Protein backbone atom coordinates (compact mmCIF):
# COMPACT_ATOMS: atom_id res chain seq x y z
CA MET A 1 -75.82 -36.24 -61.33
CA ALA A 2 -74.47 -39.54 -59.98
CA ALA A 3 -72.48 -41.70 -62.37
CA LEU A 4 -73.95 -44.98 -61.12
CA SER A 5 -77.52 -45.12 -59.82
CA VAL A 6 -78.98 -48.40 -58.58
CA CYS A 7 -82.63 -48.20 -57.59
CA ALA A 8 -84.74 -50.84 -55.81
CA LEU A 9 -82.51 -53.64 -57.11
CA SER A 10 -83.57 -57.11 -55.97
CA VAL A 11 -82.38 -60.62 -56.83
CA SER A 12 -84.01 -63.89 -55.79
CA TYR A 13 -83.15 -67.54 -56.35
CA ASP A 14 -86.13 -69.91 -56.41
CA GLY A 15 -88.12 -67.36 -54.46
CA VAL A 16 -85.41 -66.86 -51.80
CA PRO A 17 -84.23 -63.21 -51.65
CA ALA A 18 -80.48 -62.69 -52.09
CA VAL A 19 -80.49 -58.90 -52.63
CA VAL A 20 -83.43 -56.85 -51.35
CA ASP A 21 -84.57 -53.41 -52.56
CA THR A 22 -81.06 -51.94 -52.82
CA ASP A 23 -80.34 -48.30 -53.68
CA ILE A 24 -76.83 -47.02 -54.49
CA GLU A 25 -75.54 -43.75 -55.90
CA LEU A 26 -71.87 -43.28 -56.79
CA ASP A 27 -70.20 -40.22 -58.28
CA ASP A 28 -67.61 -40.24 -61.05
CA GLY A 29 -64.09 -41.09 -59.91
CA ARG A 30 -65.10 -42.44 -56.51
CA VAL A 31 -64.66 -45.95 -55.13
CA LEU A 32 -67.45 -47.66 -53.21
CA ALA A 33 -66.78 -50.67 -50.99
CA VAL A 34 -69.74 -52.94 -50.31
CA LEU A 35 -68.79 -54.53 -47.00
CA GLY A 36 -70.48 -57.55 -45.48
CA PRO A 37 -70.01 -61.09 -44.21
CA SER A 38 -69.89 -64.11 -46.50
CA GLY A 39 -73.32 -65.00 -47.85
CA CYS A 40 -74.88 -61.55 -47.31
CA GLY A 41 -75.50 -61.00 -51.04
CA LYS A 42 -72.72 -58.57 -51.89
CA SER A 43 -71.24 -60.59 -54.79
CA THR A 44 -74.75 -61.17 -56.14
CA LEU A 45 -75.29 -57.40 -56.03
CA LEU A 46 -72.07 -56.86 -58.00
CA ARG A 47 -73.06 -59.43 -60.61
CA ALA A 48 -76.52 -57.86 -60.92
CA ILE A 49 -74.96 -54.44 -61.56
CA ALA A 50 -72.84 -56.09 -64.26
CA GLY A 51 -75.93 -57.65 -65.81
CA LEU A 52 -74.90 -61.22 -65.00
CA GLU A 53 -77.87 -61.93 -62.72
CA PRO A 54 -81.58 -61.45 -63.51
CA ALA A 55 -82.87 -58.69 -61.26
CA THR A 56 -85.76 -56.33 -60.71
CA GLY A 57 -85.17 -52.61 -60.27
CA THR A 58 -82.88 -50.40 -62.34
CA VAL A 59 -79.17 -49.90 -62.97
CA CYS A 60 -78.43 -46.52 -64.57
CA TRP A 61 -75.26 -44.87 -65.82
CA HIS A 62 -75.61 -41.08 -65.97
CA ASP A 63 -79.41 -41.53 -66.10
CA ASP A 64 -79.19 -44.03 -68.96
CA ASP A 65 -81.14 -47.12 -67.85
CA LEU A 66 -79.03 -50.23 -68.52
CA SER A 67 -81.47 -52.76 -67.06
CA ALA A 68 -82.16 -54.29 -70.48
CA THR A 69 -78.58 -53.82 -71.76
CA PRO A 70 -76.51 -57.02 -72.00
CA THR A 71 -73.32 -57.28 -69.96
CA HIS A 72 -70.92 -56.81 -72.86
CA ARG A 73 -72.58 -53.54 -73.88
CA ARG A 74 -72.62 -51.86 -70.44
CA GLY A 75 -69.01 -50.64 -70.65
CA PHE A 76 -68.23 -52.18 -67.26
CA ALA A 77 -65.26 -54.40 -66.40
CA LEU A 78 -65.08 -57.12 -63.74
CA MET A 79 -62.11 -58.36 -61.75
CA PHE A 80 -62.50 -61.51 -59.67
CA GLN A 81 -60.55 -62.68 -56.62
CA ASP A 82 -58.63 -65.35 -58.55
CA GLY A 83 -57.69 -63.02 -61.42
CA GLN A 84 -58.69 -65.59 -64.09
CA LEU A 85 -55.61 -64.96 -66.24
CA PHE A 86 -55.00 -67.00 -69.35
CA PRO A 87 -52.13 -69.31 -68.33
CA GLN A 88 -50.84 -69.77 -71.89
CA LEU A 89 -50.56 -66.02 -72.57
CA THR A 90 -47.78 -63.72 -71.48
CA VAL A 91 -48.47 -60.84 -69.12
CA ALA A 92 -48.56 -58.39 -72.03
CA ARG A 93 -50.94 -60.55 -74.06
CA ASN A 94 -53.22 -61.05 -71.04
CA ILE A 95 -53.46 -57.28 -70.58
CA ALA A 96 -53.94 -56.71 -74.31
CA TYR A 97 -56.76 -59.25 -74.61
CA PRO A 98 -59.64 -56.72 -74.20
CA LEU A 99 -57.93 -54.44 -76.69
CA ARG A 100 -57.64 -57.25 -79.23
CA ILE A 101 -61.35 -58.02 -78.81
CA ARG A 102 -62.05 -54.36 -79.60
CA ARG A 103 -59.71 -54.50 -82.61
CA THR A 104 -57.44 -51.78 -81.23
CA PRO A 105 -54.50 -51.17 -83.61
CA ARG A 106 -51.45 -53.14 -82.51
CA ALA A 107 -49.22 -50.11 -82.02
CA SER A 108 -51.82 -48.34 -79.87
CA ALA A 109 -52.40 -51.51 -77.85
CA ALA A 110 -48.67 -51.89 -77.21
CA VAL A 111 -48.47 -48.34 -75.86
CA ARG A 112 -51.52 -48.90 -73.65
CA VAL A 113 -50.09 -52.16 -72.26
CA ALA A 114 -46.76 -50.49 -71.48
CA ASP A 115 -48.53 -47.65 -69.68
CA LEU A 116 -50.61 -50.09 -67.63
CA LEU A 117 -47.58 -52.18 -66.69
CA GLU A 118 -45.96 -49.04 -65.35
CA LEU A 119 -49.15 -48.02 -63.53
CA VAL A 120 -49.40 -51.36 -61.67
CA GLY A 121 -45.67 -51.54 -60.97
CA LEU A 122 -44.83 -54.40 -63.34
CA SER A 123 -42.62 -52.77 -65.97
CA GLY A 124 -40.31 -55.46 -67.31
CA PHE A 125 -42.84 -58.28 -66.76
CA ALA A 126 -44.38 -58.17 -70.24
CA ASP A 127 -42.95 -61.49 -71.42
CA ARG A 128 -43.52 -63.45 -68.21
CA LEU A 129 -46.15 -66.19 -67.95
CA PRO A 130 -48.71 -66.11 -65.12
CA ALA A 131 -47.31 -69.31 -63.56
CA THR A 132 -44.01 -67.52 -62.87
CA LEU A 133 -45.67 -64.70 -60.91
CA SER A 134 -46.53 -64.36 -57.24
CA GLY A 135 -50.15 -64.04 -56.15
CA GLY A 136 -49.85 -60.29 -55.76
CA GLU A 137 -48.24 -59.92 -59.19
CA ARG A 138 -51.02 -61.95 -60.81
CA GLN A 139 -53.63 -59.69 -59.23
CA ARG A 140 -51.80 -56.63 -60.57
CA VAL A 141 -51.90 -58.15 -64.05
CA ALA A 142 -55.62 -58.86 -63.66
CA LEU A 143 -56.19 -55.27 -62.59
CA ALA A 144 -54.24 -53.95 -65.56
CA ARG A 145 -56.30 -56.14 -67.90
CA ALA A 146 -59.54 -54.88 -66.32
CA LEU A 147 -58.40 -51.28 -66.88
CA ALA A 148 -57.10 -51.87 -70.42
CA ALA A 149 -60.27 -50.89 -72.26
CA SER A 150 -60.84 -47.83 -69.99
CA PRO A 151 -64.14 -49.10 -68.51
CA ARG A 152 -66.53 -46.49 -67.25
CA LEU A 153 -67.11 -48.65 -64.15
CA LEU A 154 -64.80 -51.25 -62.62
CA LEU A 155 -66.41 -54.01 -60.53
CA LEU A 156 -64.06 -55.78 -58.10
CA ASP A 157 -65.17 -59.02 -56.43
CA GLU A 158 -63.01 -59.68 -53.32
CA PRO A 159 -59.87 -58.74 -55.32
CA LEU A 160 -57.43 -59.26 -52.44
CA SER A 161 -59.03 -62.03 -50.39
CA ALA A 162 -56.80 -64.83 -51.72
CA LEU A 163 -53.60 -63.07 -50.55
CA ASP A 164 -51.90 -63.31 -47.17
CA ALA A 165 -52.52 -60.49 -44.67
CA GLY A 166 -49.28 -58.57 -45.21
CA LEU A 167 -49.51 -58.68 -48.99
CA ARG A 168 -53.22 -57.82 -48.84
CA GLN A 169 -52.43 -54.64 -46.91
CA ARG A 170 -49.66 -53.55 -49.28
CA LEU A 171 -51.64 -54.33 -52.41
CA GLY A 172 -54.70 -52.60 -50.97
CA GLU A 173 -52.71 -49.38 -50.66
CA ASP A 174 -51.41 -49.82 -54.21
CA LEU A 175 -54.91 -50.55 -55.50
CA ARG A 176 -56.14 -47.27 -54.05
CA ARG A 177 -53.29 -45.38 -55.73
CA ILE A 178 -53.86 -47.10 -59.07
CA LEU A 179 -57.60 -46.38 -59.10
CA VAL A 180 -57.05 -42.73 -58.16
CA GLU A 181 -54.31 -42.24 -60.77
CA ALA A 182 -56.49 -43.87 -63.43
CA GLY A 183 -59.52 -41.78 -62.40
CA THR A 184 -61.57 -44.98 -62.24
CA THR A 185 -65.07 -45.21 -60.80
CA ALA A 186 -65.29 -48.55 -59.01
CA VAL A 187 -67.44 -50.78 -56.82
CA MET A 188 -65.57 -53.32 -54.72
CA VAL A 189 -67.13 -56.03 -52.57
CA THR A 190 -65.22 -57.34 -49.57
CA HIS A 191 -65.70 -58.89 -46.14
CA ASP A 192 -62.56 -57.18 -44.76
CA HIS A 193 -63.14 -53.72 -43.26
CA ASP A 194 -59.42 -52.87 -43.27
CA GLU A 195 -59.39 -53.55 -47.03
CA ALA A 196 -62.48 -51.39 -47.50
CA PHE A 197 -60.98 -48.52 -45.48
CA ALA A 198 -57.69 -48.72 -47.44
CA VAL A 199 -59.23 -48.65 -50.92
CA ALA A 200 -62.61 -46.91 -50.92
CA ASP A 201 -64.06 -43.43 -50.56
CA ASP A 202 -67.58 -44.58 -49.72
CA LEU A 203 -68.89 -47.54 -47.78
CA ALA A 204 -72.11 -49.55 -47.96
CA VAL A 205 -72.56 -52.09 -45.17
CA MET A 206 -74.63 -55.07 -46.27
CA ARG A 207 -76.37 -57.63 -44.08
CA ALA A 208 -78.84 -60.36 -45.07
CA GLY A 209 -79.30 -58.96 -48.57
CA ARG A 210 -79.92 -55.38 -47.49
CA ILE A 211 -77.74 -52.30 -47.29
CA VAL A 212 -78.12 -51.23 -43.67
CA GLN A 213 -75.92 -48.12 -43.83
CA ALA A 214 -74.05 -46.19 -46.49
CA GLY A 215 -72.08 -43.00 -46.94
CA PRO A 216 -68.54 -41.64 -46.91
CA ILE A 217 -66.28 -44.02 -44.98
CA ALA A 218 -65.42 -41.54 -42.23
CA ASP A 219 -69.11 -40.82 -41.60
CA VAL A 220 -70.07 -44.50 -41.39
CA TRP A 221 -67.13 -45.23 -39.09
CA ARG A 222 -67.92 -42.31 -36.77
CA ALA A 223 -71.63 -43.09 -36.53
CA PRO A 224 -72.55 -46.78 -37.04
CA ALA A 225 -76.25 -47.33 -37.62
CA ASP A 226 -76.66 -50.09 -35.02
CA PRO A 227 -74.70 -52.42 -32.72
CA ALA A 228 -74.28 -55.18 -35.32
CA THR A 229 -72.81 -52.69 -37.81
CA ALA A 230 -70.47 -51.25 -35.17
CA LEU A 231 -69.12 -54.67 -34.23
CA PHE A 232 -68.70 -55.64 -37.88
CA LEU A 233 -66.77 -52.43 -38.55
CA GLY A 234 -64.26 -53.35 -35.85
CA TYR A 235 -65.50 -51.75 -32.66
CA ALA A 236 -64.60 -54.02 -29.74
CA ARG A 237 -67.80 -53.84 -27.72
CA VAL A 238 -71.16 -52.16 -27.46
CA LEU A 239 -72.06 -50.97 -23.97
CA ASP A 240 -75.68 -50.38 -22.94
CA GLY A 241 -77.55 -48.71 -20.12
CA PRO A 242 -75.52 -47.69 -17.04
CA ALA A 243 -72.26 -48.93 -18.61
CA ALA A 244 -72.81 -46.68 -21.64
CA ALA A 245 -73.76 -43.74 -19.41
CA GLY A 246 -70.64 -44.19 -17.28
CA VAL A 247 -68.21 -44.40 -20.18
CA LEU A 248 -69.80 -41.44 -21.98
CA ALA A 249 -69.70 -39.37 -18.78
CA ALA A 250 -66.03 -40.25 -18.25
CA ALA A 251 -65.36 -39.14 -21.84
CA GLY A 252 -67.23 -35.86 -21.34
CA LEU A 253 -69.88 -36.82 -23.90
CA PRO A 254 -73.67 -36.53 -23.64
CA PRO A 255 -75.62 -39.63 -22.55
CA ALA A 256 -76.94 -42.20 -25.01
CA ALA A 257 -78.73 -45.54 -24.77
CA SER A 258 -75.65 -47.41 -26.01
CA VAL A 259 -72.13 -46.68 -27.18
CA ALA A 260 -69.70 -48.60 -29.40
CA VAL A 261 -66.11 -48.50 -28.14
CA ARG A 262 -62.90 -49.37 -29.91
CA ARG A 263 -60.42 -51.42 -27.90
CA SER A 264 -58.14 -48.40 -27.77
CA ALA A 265 -60.90 -46.13 -26.45
CA LEU A 266 -59.85 -47.06 -22.92
CA SER A 267 -56.19 -47.12 -21.94
CA VAL A 268 -54.39 -47.81 -18.70
CA ALA A 269 -53.28 -44.51 -17.16
CA ASP A 270 -52.43 -43.50 -13.60
CA ASP A 271 -54.82 -40.53 -13.73
CA GLY A 272 -57.75 -42.28 -15.41
CA PRO A 273 -61.26 -41.69 -14.01
CA VAL A 274 -62.42 -45.32 -14.37
CA THR A 275 -61.12 -47.90 -11.90
CA GLY A 276 -61.11 -51.66 -12.20
CA GLU A 277 -59.36 -55.00 -11.86
CA VAL A 278 -57.43 -56.72 -14.64
CA VAL A 279 -59.11 -59.94 -15.77
CA GLU A 280 -56.98 -60.87 -18.78
CA VAL A 281 -53.76 -59.65 -20.43
CA ARG A 282 -52.53 -60.45 -23.94
CA THR A 283 -49.31 -59.17 -25.46
CA THR A 284 -49.28 -58.00 -29.09
CA PRO A 285 -46.33 -56.50 -31.02
CA GLY A 286 -47.45 -52.92 -30.38
CA GLN A 287 -49.30 -52.95 -27.06
CA LEU A 288 -50.90 -54.95 -24.27
CA ARG A 289 -54.56 -55.83 -24.76
CA VAL A 290 -56.35 -55.94 -21.46
CA VAL A 291 -59.80 -56.94 -20.23
CA VAL A 292 -60.75 -55.00 -17.09
CA ARG A 293 -63.65 -55.56 -14.71
CA THR A 294 -64.98 -52.14 -13.69
CA GLN A 295 -68.02 -50.70 -12.00
CA LEU A 296 -69.36 -50.42 -15.56
CA GLY A 297 -68.87 -54.13 -16.30
CA GLU A 298 -66.06 -55.77 -18.28
CA VAL A 299 -64.37 -53.49 -20.83
CA ASP A 300 -61.50 -53.80 -23.29
CA ALA A 301 -58.47 -51.56 -22.89
CA VAL A 302 -54.89 -51.19 -24.04
CA ALA A 303 -51.62 -50.47 -22.24
CA SER A 304 -48.07 -49.74 -23.29
CA LEU A 305 -45.66 -52.67 -23.44
CA ASP A 306 -43.54 -51.27 -20.61
CA ARG A 307 -46.35 -51.81 -18.09
CA ARG A 308 -46.24 -55.09 -16.20
CA LEU A 309 -49.83 -56.17 -15.72
CA ALA A 310 -51.33 -59.43 -14.51
CA PRO A 311 -54.83 -60.66 -13.67
CA GLY A 312 -55.90 -59.26 -10.31
CA ASP A 313 -54.01 -55.96 -10.63
CA ASP A 314 -55.90 -52.76 -9.86
CA VAL A 315 -55.74 -50.20 -12.68
CA ARG A 316 -57.17 -46.86 -13.71
CA LEU A 317 -58.42 -46.22 -17.25
CA ARG A 318 -58.41 -43.08 -19.33
CA VAL A 319 -61.22 -42.66 -21.90
CA ASP A 320 -60.65 -41.24 -25.41
CA PRO A 321 -63.91 -39.73 -26.75
CA SER A 322 -62.63 -39.84 -30.36
CA ARG A 323 -62.57 -43.66 -30.26
CA MET A 324 -66.21 -44.30 -29.46
CA ALA A 325 -69.55 -43.75 -31.11
CA ALA A 326 -72.92 -43.20 -29.49
CA LEU A 327 -75.48 -45.37 -31.25
CA PRO A 328 -78.97 -44.20 -32.21
CA ARG A 329 -82.09 -45.86 -30.94
CA PRO A 330 -83.59 -48.15 -33.64
CA SER A 331 -86.10 -45.51 -34.72
CA GLU A 332 -83.31 -42.94 -35.11
CA GLY A 333 -81.17 -44.97 -37.54
CA PRO A 334 -80.08 -43.35 -40.82
CA GLU A 335 -81.73 -44.20 -44.12
CA PRO A 336 -79.70 -46.89 -45.95
CA ALA A 337 -78.93 -44.79 -49.03
CA LEU A 338 -75.61 -43.51 -50.31
CA ASP A 339 -75.44 -39.75 -50.68
């Protein structure tokens, strides 16, 4: 039995659909990332699960229909991207706020707060005010507060989006550890696929109010449902027709109508089977990123930093079959439901 079951959930504003006929199933202790561009309806979906938006369809917890249950009785907790800490309260009192609302005995609350501060890596911060904390520290406090009352489901709305890239990566890894150690079942919405991959077990890709593909992250990554999903997940290009056939043949894979390729799927190598001419070279800290004009059309490739490449150079490309995904024809796409 799934812990969270969302069935045919829809939300509209003035007759305009924001979330359309959405189904989700999530097991206890797993983290689902709902991934999609801004405006696709993912935050509305999260708020509807929490009971903050009027919706049709059902939201169930272990087969108990919560559709008519008010937000404060669902046993869910929400964490927003700005943390929404109380500026006048210390870190400890911010974390203890849900416990005070529930009239938890003071001694028990103090123990719980101390445990949570240790869990989020902020032992010794109990008496600090939010204004004295960094952005990452404030988000850790907000996470500790969301976990304080041991919610049966944690809902995270873009929890890391306000942080810079380096801090977002580090805190994403910490968030994953914290959720696993706490045994928390969670749904996180984000527009950043690296963040989703770092934190979640399962992935639901959302576009224009609909979930277009869902499943374990590795499965979705290996087999995108369509070209738009592949490009959104971070594949560099989608090749069609003869270009797809040529790349798949070079990789030793069976033919397909189209194939999504990561930038690193093709690399400059003296023994590569694909030949071409360098069109563009860009240096990054770890590698050269190259655009090559081949008999298959223009493709993206990478090269080691010790190679000296310039536009006009002839190169050979090796193909890595593990870094590409054959795409199904539209009629062959998977059902958009989370197993």
